[in-house]
Amino acid sequence: QLQLVESGGGLVQAGGSLRLSCVASEFTLDNYAVGWFRQAPAEKAYEGVSCISDSGTYYAESVEGRFTISRGNTKKTVYLDISDLRPEDSAKYYCAALIRPRVGYVCYLGVAPYDYWGRGTEVTVSS
């Protein structure tokens, strides 16, 4: 079974940058769509911020222009580069994956389709 591990979170000042990594164990992520989600402190809901599939990359409006999702060369890693961090970006960030059901699959920023989840990495942005 696919296992995902996130890393790269930390405490950052507003305006700073971070690179979050999502690494898959055993399997490559070629045939998976991968999304990044976040859960703000005291919030129950997950916010989808970005996803990547063979059809392209997609972003929530709230992060467009500041977040960049990409696949690593090893094909077992997906990155989320975050720039111009804001206090409202503080959250636990999770990566999630699903087996791409068809070529050209458009990934979604809702949690429902994703079958595999990591345990998250914490990002705290100080003002």
Foldseek 3Di string as FASTA:
>chain_A
DKAKAKDWADEAAAQAKIKIKIFIPPDFCQQKKKWKWWAAPPGDDIWTAWIQHLLGIDGDPVQPPFWDWDADPVRGMIMIMGGRDDQVVWTWMKMFIDGHPDPNDDDDRHDPRTDYIYPTDTHGYHD
